[in-house]
Protein backbone atom coordinates (compact mmCIF):
# COMPACT_ATOMS: atom_id res chain seq x y z
CA MET A 1 -50.70 -9.65 137.95
CA GLY A 2 -52.18 -12.25 140.42
CA TRP A 3 -49.46 -13.01 143.10
CA VAL A 4 -47.08 -10.67 142.28
CA GLY A 5 -47.92 -7.85 144.16
CA LEU A 6 -45.43 -4.36 144.58
CA ALA A 7 -42.90 -6.22 146.99
CA GLY A 8 -42.82 -9.30 144.63
CA LEU A 9 -42.94 -7.39 141.32
CA ALA A 10 -39.92 -5.49 142.74
CA GLY A 11 -37.59 -8.45 143.31
CA LEU A 12 -38.29 -9.62 139.87
CA VAL A 13 -36.88 -6.05 138.57
CA GLY A 14 -33.97 -6.51 140.31
CA LEU A 15 -32.77 -9.49 138.49
CA ALA A 16 -33.54 -7.47 135.28
CA SER A 17 -32.97 -4.31 136.05
CA ASN A 18 -29.43 -4.32 134.54
CA SER A 19 -30.58 -6.14 131.22
CA PRO A 20 -27.55 -8.71 130.16
CA ALA A 21 -28.64 -9.41 126.43
CA ARG A 22 -27.43 -6.03 124.36
CA ALA A 23 -30.07 -4.35 122.80
CA ALA A 24 -31.33 -6.26 119.52
CA SER A 25 -29.24 -4.96 116.46
CA PRO A 26 -31.42 -4.99 113.39
CA VAL A 27 -29.37 -7.23 111.84
CA LEU A 28 -27.16 -9.98 113.74
CA ALA A 29 -24.55 -11.69 111.73
CA ILE A 30 -23.24 -14.91 113.02
CA THR A 31 -19.93 -16.07 110.78
CA GLY A 32 -17.83 -18.86 111.05
CA VAL A 33 -19.83 -21.04 112.52
CA THR A 34 -20.44 -24.68 112.63
CA VAL A 35 -24.41 -25.00 112.45
CA ILE A 36 -25.90 -28.03 113.66
CA ASP A 37 -29.43 -27.05 113.00
CA GLY A 38 -31.98 -29.60 114.71
CA THR A 39 -33.00 -31.24 111.65
CA ASP A 40 -32.06 -34.60 110.30
CA GLY A 41 -29.11 -32.86 108.05
CA PRO A 42 -25.48 -33.08 108.63
CA ALA A 43 -23.74 -30.32 110.39
CA ARG A 44 -22.85 -27.26 108.36
CA ALA A 45 -19.48 -25.81 108.67
CA ALA A 46 -18.16 -22.32 107.88
CA THR A 47 -21.56 -20.95 107.72
CA THR A 48 -23.14 -17.67 108.19
CA VAL A 49 -26.56 -17.29 110.06
CA ILE A 50 -28.36 -13.86 109.14
CA VAL A 51 -31.05 -12.62 111.91
CA ARG A 52 -33.19 -9.97 111.26
CA ASP A 53 -35.88 -8.54 113.44
CA GLY A 54 -35.41 -11.37 116.00
CA ARG A 55 -35.86 -14.26 113.49
CA ILE A 56 -33.81 -16.17 111.08
CA ALA A 57 -33.42 -14.50 107.62
CA ALA A 58 -30.66 -16.87 106.44
CA VAL A 59 -28.53 -19.79 106.68
CA THR A 60 -25.63 -19.57 104.22
CA ALA A 61 -22.15 -20.38 103.72
CA ASP A 62 -19.69 -17.92 104.68
CA ALA A 63 -18.03 -17.91 101.06
CA SER A 64 -21.60 -16.50 99.53
CA ALA A 65 -22.67 -14.47 102.51
CA ARG A 66 -23.66 -11.10 102.05
CA LEU A 67 -23.63 -9.21 105.33
CA PRO A 68 -25.66 -6.08 105.55
CA GLU A 69 -23.48 -2.74 106.41
CA ASP A 70 -25.31 -2.27 109.99
CA ALA A 71 -25.04 -5.85 110.90
CA GLU A 72 -23.87 -6.23 114.09
CA ARG A 73 -21.41 -9.30 113.81
CA LEU A 74 -20.82 -12.33 116.16
CA ASP A 75 -17.79 -14.38 115.25
CA GLY A 76 -18.11 -18.00 115.39
CA SER A 77 -15.35 -19.47 114.04
CA GLY A 78 -14.30 -22.90 115.97
CA ARG A 79 -17.67 -22.74 117.75
CA PHE A 80 -21.22 -24.73 117.11
CA LEU A 81 -24.51 -23.45 116.53
CA ILE A 82 -27.42 -24.93 118.00
CA PRO A 83 -30.83 -24.38 118.59
CA ALA A 84 -31.92 -22.92 122.14
CA LEU A 85 -33.18 -25.80 124.27
CA ILE A 86 -36.59 -26.64 125.66
CA ASP A 87 -37.44 -28.02 129.04
CA ALA A 88 -40.83 -30.29 128.17
CA HIS A 89 -41.46 -30.52 132.21
CA VAL A 90 -40.60 -28.28 134.89
CA HIS A 91 -43.13 -26.75 137.54
CA LEU A 92 -42.82 -23.19 138.21
CA ALA A 93 -45.76 -22.39 140.40
CA ASN A 94 -46.92 -25.75 142.01
CA ARG A 95 -46.04 -25.52 145.80
CA PRO A 96 -46.43 -22.35 148.47
CA GLU A 97 -42.94 -22.30 149.28
CA HIS A 98 -41.71 -22.36 145.57
CA GLU A 99 -43.59 -18.92 145.13
CA ALA A 100 -40.99 -15.97 144.77
CA PRO A 101 -38.27 -18.31 144.40
CA ALA A 102 -39.85 -19.98 141.05
CA ALA A 103 -40.12 -16.29 139.68
CA MET A 104 -36.70 -15.17 140.69
CA LEU A 105 -34.64 -18.42 139.54
CA LEU A 106 -36.22 -18.06 136.11
CA PRO A 107 -32.91 -16.57 134.65
CA SER A 108 -31.44 -19.50 135.54
CA LEU A 109 -32.97 -21.47 132.41
CA VAL A 110 -31.99 -18.39 130.24
CA ALA A 111 -28.30 -18.62 131.73
CA HIS A 112 -28.49 -22.56 131.03
CA GLY A 113 -29.63 -22.25 127.54
CA VAL A 114 -33.27 -23.00 128.04
CA LEU A 115 -35.32 -20.43 126.38
CA ALA A 116 -38.75 -22.45 126.09
CA VAL A 117 -40.29 -24.61 129.13
CA ARG A 118 -43.62 -26.81 129.55
CA ASP A 119 -44.86 -26.43 132.79
CA MET A 120 -46.87 -29.11 134.43
CA GLY A 121 -49.06 -28.07 136.69
CA GLY A 122 -49.56 -24.86 139.36
CA ASP A 123 -51.26 -22.04 140.09
CA LEU A 124 -52.29 -20.46 136.50
CA ASP A 125 -52.31 -16.76 138.33
CA ARG A 126 -48.71 -16.87 139.24
CA VAL A 127 -47.55 -18.50 136.27
CA ILE A 128 -49.38 -15.91 134.20
CA ALA A 129 -47.80 -13.12 136.22
CA MET A 130 -44.17 -14.29 135.25
CA ARG A 131 -45.22 -14.56 131.53
CA ALA A 132 -46.46 -10.80 131.88
CA ALA A 133 -43.09 -10.12 133.46
CA ILE A 134 -41.08 -11.38 130.96
CA ALA A 135 -42.98 -10.02 128.49
CA ALA A 136 -42.90 -6.72 129.93
CA GLY A 137 -38.90 -6.96 130.16
CA THR A 138 -39.03 -6.94 133.75
CA LEU A 139 -38.01 -10.55 134.35
CA VAL A 140 -35.32 -12.46 132.16
CA GLY A 141 -37.06 -16.01 131.71
CA PRO A 142 -38.07 -18.49 128.69
CA VAL A 143 -41.32 -18.75 126.87
CA ILE A 144 -43.73 -20.79 129.29
CA ILE A 145 -46.62 -22.98 128.09
CA THR A 146 -48.95 -23.87 131.10
CA PRO A 147 -52.39 -26.30 131.52
CA GLY A 148 -52.92 -23.97 135.18
CA PRO A 149 -53.93 -26.57 137.83
CA PHE A 150 -54.03 -30.32 137.00
CA ILE A 151 -57.06 -32.20 137.05
CA ASP A 152 -57.09 -35.07 139.26
CA GLY A 153 -59.51 -37.27 141.23
CA PRO A 154 -61.69 -36.41 144.61
CA GLN A 155 -59.42 -33.90 146.81
CA ASP A 156 -59.32 -30.88 148.69
CA ARG A 157 -59.39 -28.12 145.91
CA SER A 158 -56.28 -25.49 145.74
CA ALA A 159 -54.38 -23.48 143.36
CA THR A 160 -52.53 -26.27 141.61
CA VAL A 161 -55.55 -29.03 141.86
CA PHE A 162 -58.71 -28.90 140.08
CA PRO A 163 -60.59 -32.21 141.70
CA VAL A 164 -63.15 -33.58 139.77
CA ALA A 165 -65.73 -36.37 141.07
CA THR A 166 -68.03 -37.32 137.86
CA PRO A 167 -67.66 -36.82 134.56
CA ALA A 168 -69.79 -33.44 134.53
CA GLU A 169 -67.45 -32.34 137.01
CA ALA A 170 -64.51 -33.09 134.65
CA ALA A 171 -66.01 -31.33 131.50
CA ALA A 172 -66.77 -28.53 133.54
CA ALA A 173 -63.28 -28.25 134.74
CA VAL A 174 -62.15 -28.46 131.30
CA ARG A 175 -64.26 -25.80 130.08
CA ALA A 176 -63.22 -23.60 133.07
CA LEU A 177 -59.56 -24.17 132.11
CA ALA A 178 -60.04 -23.31 128.59
CA SER A 179 -61.78 -20.25 129.23
CA ARG A 180 -58.45 -18.94 130.87
CA GLN A 181 -56.93 -19.65 127.67
CA VAL A 182 -54.78 -22.67 129.15
CA ASP A 183 -52.17 -24.43 126.60
CA PHE A 184 -53.11 -27.70 127.24
CA ILE A 185 -55.00 -29.87 129.81
CA LYS A 186 -52.54 -31.98 132.50
CA VAL A 187 -53.97 -35.27 134.04
CA GLN A 188 -52.98 -36.55 137.23
CA ALA A 189 -52.70 -40.26 138.53
CA GLY A 190 -55.59 -40.34 140.76
CA LEU A 191 -58.17 -40.13 137.97
CA THR A 192 -60.58 -42.72 137.41
CA PRO A 193 -60.83 -44.41 133.58
CA VAL A 194 -64.36 -42.68 133.40
CA LEU A 195 -63.11 -39.41 134.70
CA TRP A 196 -60.02 -39.71 132.75
CA ARG A 197 -62.05 -40.16 129.15
CA ALA A 198 -64.58 -37.33 130.14
CA THR A 199 -61.67 -35.25 130.44
CA LEU A 200 -59.98 -36.44 126.91
CA ASP A 201 -63.69 -35.87 125.43
CA ALA A 202 -64.30 -32.26 126.81
CA ALA A 203 -60.44 -31.20 125.80
CA ARG A 204 -61.24 -32.61 122.68
CA ALA A 205 -63.99 -30.43 122.10
CA ALA A 206 -62.33 -27.50 123.45
CA HIS A 207 -59.54 -28.27 120.99
CA LEU A 208 -56.81 -29.00 123.88
CA SER A 209 -54.44 -31.77 123.90
CA VAL A 210 -53.64 -33.58 126.81
CA ALA A 211 -50.68 -34.80 128.45
CA GLY A 212 -49.67 -36.26 131.93
CA HIS A 213 -49.52 -39.30 134.18
CA VAL A 214 -50.89 -42.73 133.07
CA PRO A 215 -53.59 -43.11 135.79
CA GLU A 216 -53.39 -45.63 138.62
CA ALA A 217 -56.60 -47.30 138.02
CA MET A 218 -55.98 -47.40 134.14
CA SER A 219 -53.50 -49.34 131.55
CA ALA A 220 -51.00 -47.25 129.68
CA PHE A 221 -52.49 -49.72 126.38
CA ASP A 222 -55.78 -47.64 126.86
CA VAL A 223 -54.28 -44.28 127.61
CA VAL A 224 -52.14 -44.31 124.33
CA SER A 225 -55.10 -45.71 122.26
CA GLY A 226 -57.52 -42.86 124.10
CA GLY A 227 -55.59 -39.94 122.64
CA GLN A 228 -53.28 -38.54 125.40
CA ARG A 229 -50.48 -36.67 123.47
CA SER A 230 -47.60 -37.53 126.23
CA VAL A 231 -47.08 -39.78 129.04
CA GLU A 232 -44.92 -38.37 131.96
CA HIS A 233 -42.39 -40.18 134.22
CA VAL A 234 -41.11 -43.63 133.87
CA SER A 235 -39.66 -44.71 137.20
CA PRO A 236 -41.05 -46.33 139.93
CA ALA A 237 -39.45 -44.16 142.34
CA LEU A 238 -42.78 -43.04 142.84
CA PRO A 239 -45.98 -45.69 142.28
CA GLY A 240 -47.88 -42.81 140.92
CA ASP A 241 -45.09 -42.45 138.09
CA ALA A 242 -44.83 -46.13 137.23
CA GLY A 243 -47.83 -46.47 134.89
CA LEU A 244 -45.99 -47.74 131.58
CA MET A 245 -43.90 -50.27 133.84
CA VAL A 246 -46.75 -51.31 135.59
CA SER A 247 -48.79 -52.27 132.65
CA VAL A 248 -46.42 -54.40 130.86
CA SER A 249 -45.31 -56.45 134.06
CA ARG A 250 -46.08 -60.06 134.15
CA ASP A 251 -47.55 -59.50 137.60
CA GLU A 252 -49.51 -56.55 136.82
CA VAL A 253 -52.90 -57.96 138.31
CA ALA A 254 -51.32 -58.26 141.50
CA LEU A 255 -49.36 -55.26 141.67
CA ARG A 256 -52.40 -53.24 140.92
CA ALA A 257 -53.97 -54.79 144.14
CA GLU A 258 -51.28 -54.38 146.29
CA MET A 259 -50.71 -50.51 145.11
CA ARG A 260 -54.34 -50.08 145.64
CA ALA A 261 -54.05 -51.71 149.12
CA ILE A 262 -50.81 -49.49 150.12
CA ALA A 263 -52.92 -46.51 149.09
CA ALA A 264 -55.67 -47.70 151.22
CA GLY A 265 -53.37 -48.04 154.47
CA TRP A 266 -51.81 -44.75 154.22
CA ALA A 267 -55.58 -43.05 154.20
CA GLN A 268 -56.26 -44.45 157.51
CA PRO A 269 -56.30 -42.14 160.36
CA ASP A 270 -53.10 -43.70 162.37
CA PRO A 271 -51.18 -45.30 159.54
CA ASP A 272 -48.29 -47.79 159.90
CA ARG A 273 -45.80 -46.18 158.30
CA ALA A 274 -43.06 -48.46 158.75
CA ALA A 275 -45.06 -51.16 157.61
CA LEU A 276 -46.48 -49.39 154.31
CA ARG A 277 -42.98 -48.06 153.61
CA ALA A 278 -41.58 -51.73 153.66
CA ARG A 279 -44.68 -53.12 151.36
CA ASN A 280 -43.65 -50.36 148.82
CA ARG A 281 -40.21 -51.14 148.73
CA GLU A 282 -41.04 -54.70 147.86
CA LEU A 283 -43.46 -53.31 145.40
CA GLN A 284 -40.77 -51.89 143.74
CA ARG A 285 -38.42 -54.81 143.96
CA ARG A 286 -41.10 -56.80 142.25
CA LEU A 287 -42.17 -54.60 139.33
CA ILE A 288 -38.23 -53.79 138.17
CA ALA A 289 -38.05 -57.61 138.28
CA SER A 290 -41.29 -58.26 136.25
CA VAL A 291 -41.49 -56.24 133.15
CA ASP A 292 -42.31 -58.46 130.08
CA PRO A 293 -40.41 -57.36 127.15
CA ALA A 294 -42.87 -58.82 124.85
CA ARG A 295 -45.46 -56.83 126.72
CA ALA A 296 -43.42 -53.79 126.65
CA ALA A 297 -42.74 -54.11 122.65
CA ALA A 298 -46.75 -53.99 122.14
CA LEU A 299 -46.84 -50.94 124.52
CA PHE A 300 -44.20 -49.08 122.70
CA THR A 301 -45.51 -50.31 119.18
CA ALA A 302 -48.90 -48.51 120.12
CA MET A 303 -47.23 -45.27 121.43
CA ARG A 304 -45.33 -44.97 117.91
CA GLU A 305 -48.66 -45.66 115.88
CA HIS A 306 -50.38 -43.26 118.21
CA ASP A 307 -48.12 -40.61 118.21
CA VAL A 308 -47.58 -40.60 121.94
CA THR A 309 -44.21 -38.93 123.19
CA ALA A 310 -42.45 -40.49 126.03
CA VAL A 311 -41.09 -37.46 128.77
CA PRO A 312 -39.17 -39.67 131.19
CA THR A 313 -38.00 -37.64 133.90
CA LEU A 314 -34.85 -39.34 134.64
CA ALA A 315 -33.30 -36.10 135.97
CA TRP A 316 -35.73 -35.96 138.74
CA SER A 317 -36.40 -39.97 139.84
CA ASN A 318 -32.93 -41.22 139.24
CA GLY A 319 -32.07 -38.07 141.89
CA LEU A 320 -34.94 -38.92 144.09
CA LEU A 321 -33.71 -42.03 145.82
CA PRO A 322 -30.00 -41.89 147.24
CA GLY A 323 -27.73 -44.43 145.37
CA ALA A 324 -24.95 -44.30 148.56
CA ARG A 325 -24.58 -42.89 151.89
CA ASP A 326 -22.82 -39.38 150.21
CA ASP A 327 -25.23 -39.61 147.14
CA TRP A 328 -25.68 -35.65 147.50
CA PRO A 329 -26.72 -33.21 145.00
CA GLY A 330 -23.93 -31.22 143.44
CA ALA A 331 -23.07 -27.59 145.48
CA ASN A 332 -22.88 -25.65 142.57
CA ALA A 333 -26.40 -26.57 141.53
CA LEU A 334 -27.71 -26.39 144.82
CA ALA A 335 -26.29 -22.92 145.17
CA LEU A 336 -29.12 -21.59 142.55
CA VAL A 337 -31.87 -23.25 144.79
CA PRO A 338 -33.07 -20.52 147.42
CA ARG A 339 -32.13 -21.08 151.04
CA ALA A 340 -35.67 -21.70 152.22
CA VAL A 341 -36.17 -24.45 149.86
CA ARG A 342 -32.33 -25.71 149.86
CA GLU A 343 -32.03 -26.65 153.29
CA PRO A 344 -35.35 -29.05 153.82
CA TRP A 345 -33.95 -30.50 150.79
CA LEU A 346 -30.46 -31.38 152.12
CA GLN A 347 -32.28 -32.37 155.68
CA ARG A 348 -34.56 -34.75 154.12
CA ARG A 349 -31.67 -36.28 151.80
CA ARG A 350 -29.67 -36.79 154.76
CA SER A 351 -32.47 -38.45 156.72
CA LEU A 352 -32.91 -40.74 153.40
CA ALA A 353 -29.08 -41.74 153.24
CA ALA A 354 -28.84 -42.21 157.21
CA ALA A 355 -31.82 -44.60 157.81
CA ALA A 356 -30.71 -46.58 154.21
CA THR A 357 -29.97 -50.16 154.52
CA ASP A 358 -27.22 -51.03 152.19
CA ASP A 359 -30.11 -53.71 150.59
CA ASP A 360 -32.38 -49.70 150.24
CA LEU A 361 -29.46 -48.33 148.51
CA ALA A 362 -29.13 -51.07 145.92
CA LEU A 363 -32.67 -51.36 145.41
CA ASN A 364 -32.36 -47.53 144.47
CA LEU A 365 -29.88 -48.22 142.31
CA ALA A 366 -31.54 -50.81 140.53
CA ILE A 367 -34.57 -48.86 139.94
CA ALA A 368 -32.40 -46.19 138.75
CA ARG A 369 -30.78 -48.82 136.08
CA ALA A 370 -34.65 -50.35 135.17
CA SER A 371 -35.43 -46.89 134.30
CA VAL A 372 -32.74 -45.89 132.10
CA ALA A 373 -33.25 -49.48 130.48
CA PHE A 374 -36.54 -48.98 129.84
CA VAL A 375 -36.09 -45.42 128.13
CA GLY A 376 -33.49 -47.29 126.10
CA ALA A 377 -35.76 -49.67 124.87
CA MET A 378 -38.77 -47.12 123.77
CA HIS A 379 -36.32 -45.27 122.15
CA ARG A 380 -35.20 -48.62 120.19
CA ALA A 381 -38.72 -49.49 119.44
CA GLY A 382 -39.16 -45.67 117.93
CA VAL A 383 -41.36 -43.89 120.47
CA ALA A 384 -40.14 -40.22 120.35
CA VAL A 385 -38.50 -39.43 123.63
CA VAL A 386 -38.44 -36.03 124.96
CA ALA A 387 -36.24 -34.51 127.85
CA GLY A 388 -38.32 -32.93 130.47
CA THR A 389 -36.77 -32.54 134.24
CA ASP A 390 -39.44 -32.00 136.88
CA ALA A 391 -37.65 -29.29 138.16
CA PHE A 392 -38.22 -26.80 140.41
CA ASP A 393 -38.86 -30.02 142.56
CA SER A 394 -36.82 -32.68 144.71
CA TYR A 395 -33.08 -31.40 144.23
CA LEU A 396 -33.78 -29.95 141.01
CA PRO A 397 -32.57 -26.64 140.05
CA LEU A 398 -33.99 -24.83 137.05
CA GLY A 399 -31.45 -25.07 133.76
CA PRO A 400 -28.90 -26.94 135.05
CA SER A 401 -31.28 -30.20 135.35
CA LEU A 402 -31.84 -30.38 131.49
CA HIS A 403 -28.10 -30.94 130.62
CA ALA A 404 -27.92 -33.29 133.22
CA GLU A 405 -31.16 -35.17 131.50
CA LEU A 406 -29.63 -35.01 128.01
CA ALA A 407 -26.96 -37.19 129.50
CA ASN A 408 -29.33 -39.44 130.89
CA LEU A 409 -30.89 -40.14 127.36
CA VAL A 410 -27.19 -40.66 126.21
CA ALA A 411 -26.83 -43.46 128.82
CA ALA A 412 -30.13 -44.69 128.21
CA GLY A 413 -28.92 -45.65 124.54
CA LEU A 414 -30.01 -41.95 122.37
CA SER A 415 -26.73 -40.98 120.40
CA PRO A 416 -25.81 -37.35 121.43
CA ARG A 417 -27.19 -36.31 118.14
CA GLN A 418 -30.40 -37.68 118.99
CA ALA A 419 -30.48 -36.78 122.99
CA LEU A 420 -30.14 -33.21 121.50
CA LEU A 421 -33.06 -33.36 119.13
CA SER A 422 -34.67 -34.81 122.29
CA GLY A 423 -34.36 -31.35 123.68
CA THR A 424 -34.79 -29.27 120.90
CA ARG A 425 -36.73 -30.28 117.74
CA GLU A 426 -38.89 -33.19 119.49
CA PRO A 427 -40.37 -31.01 122.36
CA ALA A 428 -40.99 -28.08 120.05
CA ARG A 429 -43.13 -30.55 118.47
CA LEU A 430 -44.70 -31.77 121.28
CA LEU A 431 -45.25 -28.31 122.35
CA GLY A 432 -46.86 -27.41 119.17
CA MET A 433 -43.97 -24.98 118.84
CA ILE A 434 -42.50 -26.36 115.59
CA ALA A 435 -43.22 -23.63 113.05
CA SER A 436 -41.61 -21.24 115.34
CA ARG A 437 -38.45 -22.78 117.08
CA GLY A 438 -36.58 -25.86 117.80
CA THR A 439 -34.65 -25.96 114.44
CA ILE A 440 -32.33 -23.25 113.11
CA THR A 441 -34.82 -22.57 110.02
CA VAL A 442 -35.07 -19.57 107.73
CA GLY A 443 -38.53 -17.73 109.64
CA LYS A 444 -38.18 -19.23 113.03
CA GLN A 445 -37.22 -17.53 116.21
CA ALA A 446 -33.90 -16.95 116.52
CA ASP A 447 -33.46 -18.67 119.54
CA LEU A 448 -29.87 -20.36 119.49
CA LEU A 449 -27.01 -21.37 121.35
CA LEU A 450 -23.27 -20.76 120.48
CA LEU A 451 -21.19 -23.15 122.01
CA ASP A 452 -17.27 -23.92 122.23
CA ARG A 453 -17.63 -27.71 121.91
CA ASP A 454 -19.48 -30.32 119.30
CA PRO A 455 -22.42 -31.74 121.51
CA THR A 456 -23.16 -34.35 118.72
CA ALA A 457 -19.81 -35.75 119.58
CA ASP A 458 -20.12 -35.34 123.10
CA ILE A 459 -23.68 -33.99 124.88
CA HIS A 460 -22.02 -32.45 127.71
CA ALA A 461 -20.87 -29.64 124.99
CA THR A 462 -24.20 -28.38 125.67
CA GLN A 463 -22.76 -26.77 128.85
CA THR A 464 -19.84 -25.08 127.02
CA ILE A 465 -22.34 -22.10 126.12
CA HIS A 466 -20.51 -18.99 124.80
CA ALA A 467 -23.47 -17.08 124.35
CA VAL A 468 -27.11 -17.28 124.42
CA ILE A 469 -29.15 -15.60 121.73
CA GLN A 470 -32.56 -14.91 122.31
CA SER A 471 -34.89 -13.46 120.06
CA GLY A 472 -31.79 -11.91 118.29
CA ARG A 473 -30.48 -10.63 121.37
CA VAL A 474 -27.01 -11.43 122.25
CA ILE A 475 -26.04 -12.59 125.97
CA ASP A 476 -22.45 -13.12 125.99
CA ARG A 477 -20.66 -15.15 128.58
CA GLY A 478 -19.67 -12.59 130.94
CA SER A 479 -23.20 -11.56 130.95
CA LEU A 480 -24.55 -15.04 131.62
CA ASP A 481 -21.98 -15.15 134.62
CA ARG A 482 -23.64 -11.94 136.20
CA MET A 483 -26.48 -13.57 135.74
CA LEU A 484 -26.06 -16.26 137.77
CA ALA A 485 -24.43 -14.51 140.23
CA ASP A 486 -27.31 -12.73 140.67
CA VAL A 487 -29.42 -15.62 140.96
CA ARG A 488 -26.79 -17.44 143.82
CA ALA A 489 -26.95 -14.32 145.48
CA ALA A 490 -31.08 -13.90 145.75
CA ALA A 491 -30.65 -17.65 146.63
CA ASP A 492 -28.51 -16.69 149.88
CA ARG A 493 -30.78 -14.39 150.95
């Protein structure tokens, strides 16, 4: 069980000892519901969905449905049934201070209808322990896929980073992770082109896909054509996240030179922090002003042709930098964050807001607007856009952040139906799970959400969860509320 010793396991069991899900009946019948099945087909009103042994057995009109006598019935009249949500970018075990809280707060994902996640790099032992506890029924949590530690350039090795300095080391790192049966390989921004290519070659040989950043030393055009499955992040809120945007800048060469110079400045024994921050702010300003629509269109065409998915994580980037002096994370969301993490977050936020000039705040808002516009352009060009949050990091609790990301995607120009697909079918496709989840289709896992309102009319309706069905087990609203109350109590300890 790795990091989960006796005390840690006792904490996990505490959150699952009173199982919030009713024991699964062999057969569940959800009747009278409007089904939004996650395909391109229209919604189907007055529908019955039969679940048998945790899988969808039938989707049929109420009038022709035959209900087994022993079926548990769930009345869906006036409500809407959608596939459960998938968060394609979370971090469950990437920082020491997040150890116990990340595991304790996994029930928050379930309570918010997120029943599968793609962990994007962290301590593999800790994630394996979480998965084991979920499988054993001692922890309420989602399906987790993970790369273990991410592969990056030379630095100190840790449980979350597998540094490499030569092509041979990159290949050895991939083989070592493959031997531990990771689900894919995550690459970080510090890889050189040679190391990135060696990683891709080794992953291909190991039959593992590769996801992650555009390395700072590479053009996104090369990454897209070279076999990387997805590109994470869009915003220049952090330079290492801006690989797509830098690659389509009219000033790409000059901006890359300045990025290298700033990085070299931070590596000095006694860096001039104020001067480097000022240079970085000017870099951000130049970058968002220099995006070339023609170059962007060419990149988006390449992404579409090579089937490269974008995971913009707008919830993270647009929430990182305050747009006003009273721009605080919501109190309800922060209540789900452990006190030991919440208080440093708020202290940092207050410091940022207090130190920000009017020009700083205006630039933060401009960065957020430019990021949203970039995602909208990608979507209009036919690039697959998938919802991911980068939680549990920087003001982002696990669970509610995904609903915020869906709203961000609508703000970028996706319709509510398209945004819903970005949090259901499309991440299932990206994560290699489309055969078992992502749509309401016969034979798939019965991971479903029963909503009070229509999310294709208003994406905020994904938050009106009446019940969560996890592998055919019904978790009603009262049980979900008790789960969240337990999380809040644990967060305040």
